[in-house]
Amino acid sequence: GQTPMFPRIFGHEAGGIVESVGEGVTDLAPGDHVLPVFTGECKECPHCKSPESNMCDLLRINTDRGVMIGDGKSRFSINGKPIYHFVGTSTFSEYTVMHVGCVAKINPEAPLDKVCVLSCGISTGLGATINVAKPPKGSTVAIFGLGAVGLAAAEGARIAGASRIIGIDLNANRFEEARKFGCTEFVNPKDHDKPVQQ
């Protein structure tokens, strides 16, 4: 971010169980299973009502904001001094406090240790491919980086019907796993003297 705030609790990807809710919260109840969402939705602004954007006017991702939106204060402290929030989630903690718009209720039978990657890695990569890039059936797609987001992007390209899905990564050990997600061929930039796009 542009305005570093420290100390703060980082983390944005997790799964959890609601322990309590604040005044006026009716969408969630204690015991609900949830995923944090660092690009939250107020459900009222033009972006939230649009099928083309999820950059909520109120809860869009903001790495500089280290406090709660409602009152501009942190919910974390140590020895009376604030510890700041991170992208509205702060998931590297046993407990965290989030705006209700930054929490998505999920099926309680979904295993939290597995579905936690839906709160960023999978939804980001799959969503970027299917909802933003929208590759036509039979197209060629190149994916730079085959971590969690890249693998999800490959899966999205496969679902969309891309005929060539080129995985690009500096770590060739990732190629075999990426094949399971739809990559059909691979490029390691270290193996070439010219720019990878050529």
Protein backbone atom coordinates (compact mmCIF):
# COMPACT_ATOMS: atom_id res chain seq x y z
CA GLY A 1 0.00 0.00 0.00
CA GLN A 2 0.87 3.65 -0.26
CA THR A 3 0.50 4.36 3.46
CA PRO A 4 2.23 1.66 5.48
CA MET A 5 0.54 1.12 8.85
CA PHE A 6 2.27 -0.95 11.48
CA PRO A 7 1.85 -3.00 13.49
CA ARG A 8 -0.92 -4.79 11.64
CA ILE A 9 -2.32 -8.28 11.30
CA PHE A 10 -1.93 -9.50 7.72
CA GLY A 11 -3.77 -12.32 5.93
CA HIS A 12 -6.77 -12.40 3.60
CA GLU A 13 -7.49 -16.06 2.82
CA ALA A 14 -9.22 -18.25 5.41
CA GLY A 15 -12.29 -20.14 6.50
CA GLY A 16 -13.96 -19.69 9.85
CA ILE A 17 -16.97 -19.83 12.11
CA VAL A 18 -18.85 -16.73 13.26
CA GLU A 19 -18.44 -16.29 17.00
CA SER A 20 -20.63 -13.19 17.38
CA VAL A 21 -22.24 -10.48 15.27
CA GLY A 22 -22.54 -6.75 15.74
CA GLU A 23 -25.63 -4.65 16.15
CA GLY A 24 -27.85 -4.60 13.08
CA VAL A 25 -26.26 -7.66 11.41
CA THR A 26 -29.05 -9.93 10.21
CA ASP A 27 -27.32 -11.86 7.38
CA LEU A 28 -25.16 -13.91 9.76
CA ALA A 29 -25.50 -15.62 13.12
CA PRO A 30 -23.08 -17.24 15.57
CA GLY A 31 -22.12 -20.68 14.33
CA ASP A 32 -22.34 -19.81 10.62
CA HIS A 33 -19.42 -21.05 8.52
CA VAL A 34 -17.89 -18.27 6.43
CA LEU A 35 -15.12 -17.21 4.10
CA PRO A 36 -13.55 -13.75 4.28
CA VAL A 37 -13.76 -11.59 1.16
CA PHE A 38 -11.17 -8.83 0.86
CA THR A 39 -13.14 -7.13 -1.90
CA GLY A 40 -16.38 -6.86 0.02
CA GLU A 41 -19.85 -5.94 -1.18
CA CYS A 42 -22.24 -3.46 0.42
CA LYS A 43 -24.95 -4.75 -1.98
CA GLU A 44 -26.29 -1.22 -2.49
CA CYS A 45 -23.81 0.79 -4.59
CA PRO A 46 -23.82 0.85 -8.43
CA HIS A 47 -20.81 -1.50 -8.58
CA CYS A 48 -22.44 -4.12 -6.35
CA LYS A 49 -25.61 -3.99 -8.45
CA SER A 50 -23.67 -4.30 -11.72
CA PRO A 51 -22.92 -7.69 -13.30
CA GLU A 52 -19.67 -6.20 -14.69
CA SER A 53 -17.92 -5.09 -11.49
CA ASN A 54 -17.41 -6.02 -7.88
CA MET A 55 -15.37 -2.97 -6.89
CA CYS A 56 -17.77 -1.84 -4.18
CA ASP A 57 -17.73 1.89 -3.45
CA LEU A 58 -17.63 1.20 0.29
CA LEU A 59 -15.68 -2.07 0.66
CA ARG A 60 -13.35 -2.27 -2.34
CA ILE A 61 -9.89 -3.62 -1.58
CA ASN A 62 -7.89 -0.97 0.22
CA THR A 63 -4.45 -1.91 1.51
CA ASP A 64 -4.05 1.49 3.19
CA ARG A 65 -7.11 1.34 5.43
CA GLY A 66 -6.18 -0.22 8.76
CA VAL A 67 -9.38 0.42 10.68
CA MET A 68 -13.06 -0.45 10.59
CA ILE A 69 -15.16 1.63 8.20
CA GLY A 70 -17.98 2.35 10.65
CA ASP A 71 -16.02 4.24 13.27
CA GLY A 72 -12.45 4.53 11.93
CA LYS A 73 -11.03 2.49 14.83
CA SER A 74 -9.10 -0.76 15.07
CA ARG A 75 -10.57 -3.78 16.84
CA PHE A 76 -7.11 -5.13 17.73
CA SER A 77 -4.73 -3.81 20.36
CA ILE A 78 -1.85 -4.74 22.61
CA ASN A 79 -0.99 -2.89 25.80
CA GLY A 80 -3.57 -0.24 24.90
CA LYS A 81 -2.00 0.53 21.51
CA PRO A 82 -3.81 -0.28 18.24
CA ILE A 83 -2.81 -3.08 15.92
CA TYR A 84 -4.17 -2.26 12.48
CA HIS A 85 -6.36 -4.34 10.19
CA PHE A 86 -5.36 -5.49 6.68
CA VAL A 87 -7.71 -5.42 3.64
CA GLY A 88 -10.69 -5.75 5.95
CA THR A 89 -9.89 -9.34 6.91
CA SER A 90 -6.69 -9.81 9.00
CA THR A 91 -6.86 -13.60 8.85
CA PHE A 92 -3.42 -14.36 10.34
CA SER A 93 -5.07 -14.39 13.75
CA GLU A 94 -7.12 -16.82 15.78
CA TYR A 95 -10.01 -14.33 15.86
CA THR A 96 -10.69 -11.38 13.59
CA VAL A 97 -13.34 -8.71 13.13
CA MET A 98 -14.82 -7.98 9.69
CA HIS A 99 -17.51 -5.86 8.12
CA VAL A 100 -20.49 -8.10 7.31
CA GLY A 101 -19.99 -7.25 3.61
CA CYS A 102 -16.55 -8.89 3.74
CA VAL A 103 -17.91 -12.26 4.82
CA ALA A 104 -19.55 -14.92 2.64
CA LYS A 105 -21.69 -17.57 4.32
CA ILE A 106 -20.95 -21.12 3.13
CA ASN A 107 -22.36 -24.60 3.63
CA PRO A 108 -21.31 -25.84 7.09
CA GLU A 109 -20.42 -29.24 5.63
CA ALA A 110 -17.66 -27.73 3.49
CA PRO A 111 -14.30 -28.50 5.14
CA LEU A 112 -12.82 -25.16 6.22
CA ASP A 113 -9.22 -26.34 5.74
CA LYS A 114 -9.95 -26.96 2.04
CA VAL A 115 -12.49 -24.30 1.05
CA CYS A 116 -10.35 -21.53 2.56
CA VAL A 117 -8.61 -21.17 -0.84
CA LEU A 118 -11.96 -20.13 -2.31
CA SER A 119 -11.68 -16.84 -0.43
CA CYS A 120 -8.92 -15.70 -2.80
CA GLY A 121 -6.78 -18.09 -4.85
CA ILE A 122 -9.45 -20.07 -6.64
CA SER A 123 -12.11 -17.37 -6.92
CA THR A 124 -9.52 -14.85 -8.15
CA GLY A 125 -8.00 -17.05 -10.86
CA LEU A 126 -11.23 -18.70 -12.01
CA GLY A 127 -13.12 -15.40 -11.89
CA ALA A 128 -10.43 -13.52 -13.81
CA THR A 129 -10.62 -16.06 -16.62
CA ILE A 130 -14.36 -16.71 -16.83
CA ASN A 131 -15.73 -13.28 -15.85
CA VAL A 132 -13.06 -10.87 -17.13
CA ALA A 133 -10.94 -12.44 -19.89
CA LYS A 134 -13.90 -14.52 -21.20
CA PRO A 135 -11.80 -16.58 -23.65
CA PRO A 136 -13.83 -17.79 -26.64
CA LYS A 137 -14.12 -21.54 -27.20
CA GLY A 138 -11.07 -22.80 -29.10
CA SER A 139 -8.88 -19.84 -28.11
CA THR A 140 -5.30 -19.82 -26.86
CA VAL A 141 -4.67 -18.64 -23.29
CA ALA A 142 -1.32 -17.92 -21.62
CA ILE A 143 -1.09 -17.97 -17.83
CA PHE A 144 1.90 -16.37 -16.13
CA GLY A 145 2.60 -18.09 -12.82
CA LEU A 146 1.24 -21.48 -11.80
CA GLY A 147 0.54 -20.97 -8.11
CA ALA A 148 -2.97 -21.17 -6.68
CA VAL A 149 -4.31 -18.24 -8.71
CA GLY A 150 -2.65 -19.44 -11.93
CA LEU A 151 -3.95 -22.99 -11.55
CA ALA A 152 -7.45 -21.65 -11.00
CA ALA A 153 -7.06 -19.46 -14.11
CA ALA A 154 -6.05 -22.57 -16.08
CA GLU A 155 -9.15 -24.38 -14.82
CA GLY A 156 -11.26 -21.40 -15.88
CA ALA A 157 -9.70 -21.46 -19.36
CA ARG A 158 -10.40 -25.20 -19.60
CA ILE A 159 -14.03 -24.71 -18.52
CA ALA A 160 -14.39 -21.91 -21.10
CA GLY A 161 -13.20 -24.29 -23.83
CA ALA A 162 -9.76 -22.88 -24.66
CA SER A 163 -7.90 -25.27 -26.95
CA ARG A 164 -4.36 -24.21 -25.96
CA ILE A 165 -3.58 -23.28 -22.37
CA ILE A 166 0.06 -22.29 -22.03
CA GLY A 167 1.42 -22.34 -18.49
CA ILE A 168 4.41 -20.07 -17.92
CA ASP A 169 6.48 -20.42 -14.77
CA LEU A 170 10.11 -20.27 -13.67
CA ASN A 171 9.59 -23.48 -11.67
CA ALA A 172 9.27 -26.45 -14.02
CA ASN A 173 8.25 -28.64 -11.07
CA ARG A 174 4.81 -27.02 -11.28
CA PHE A 175 4.11 -28.18 -14.84
CA GLU A 176 2.83 -31.69 -14.13
CA GLU A 177 0.32 -30.47 -11.53
CA ALA A 178 -0.78 -27.67 -13.89
CA ARG A 179 -1.61 -30.28 -16.55
CA LYS A 180 -4.34 -31.56 -14.20
CA PHE A 181 -5.91 -28.09 -14.24
CA GLY A 182 -6.00 -27.83 -18.02
CA CYS A 183 -2.58 -26.59 -19.15
CA THR A 184 -1.70 -28.18 -22.47
CA GLU A 185 1.85 -26.87 -22.86
CA PHE A 186 4.48 -25.04 -20.87
CA VAL A 187 7.17 -22.42 -21.13
CA ASN A 188 9.94 -21.82 -18.62
CA PRO A 189 11.45 -18.38 -19.37
CA LYS A 190 14.80 -19.62 -18.02
CA ASP A 191 15.02 -22.00 -20.99
CA HIS A 192 15.01 -19.19 -23.57
CA ASP A 193 17.28 -16.29 -24.53
CA LYS A 194 14.49 -14.16 -25.99
CA PRO A 195 11.46 -12.63 -24.26
CA VAL A 196 8.89 -15.24 -23.35
CA GLN A 197 6.12 -13.57 -25.37
CA GLN A 198 8.09 -14.31 -28.54
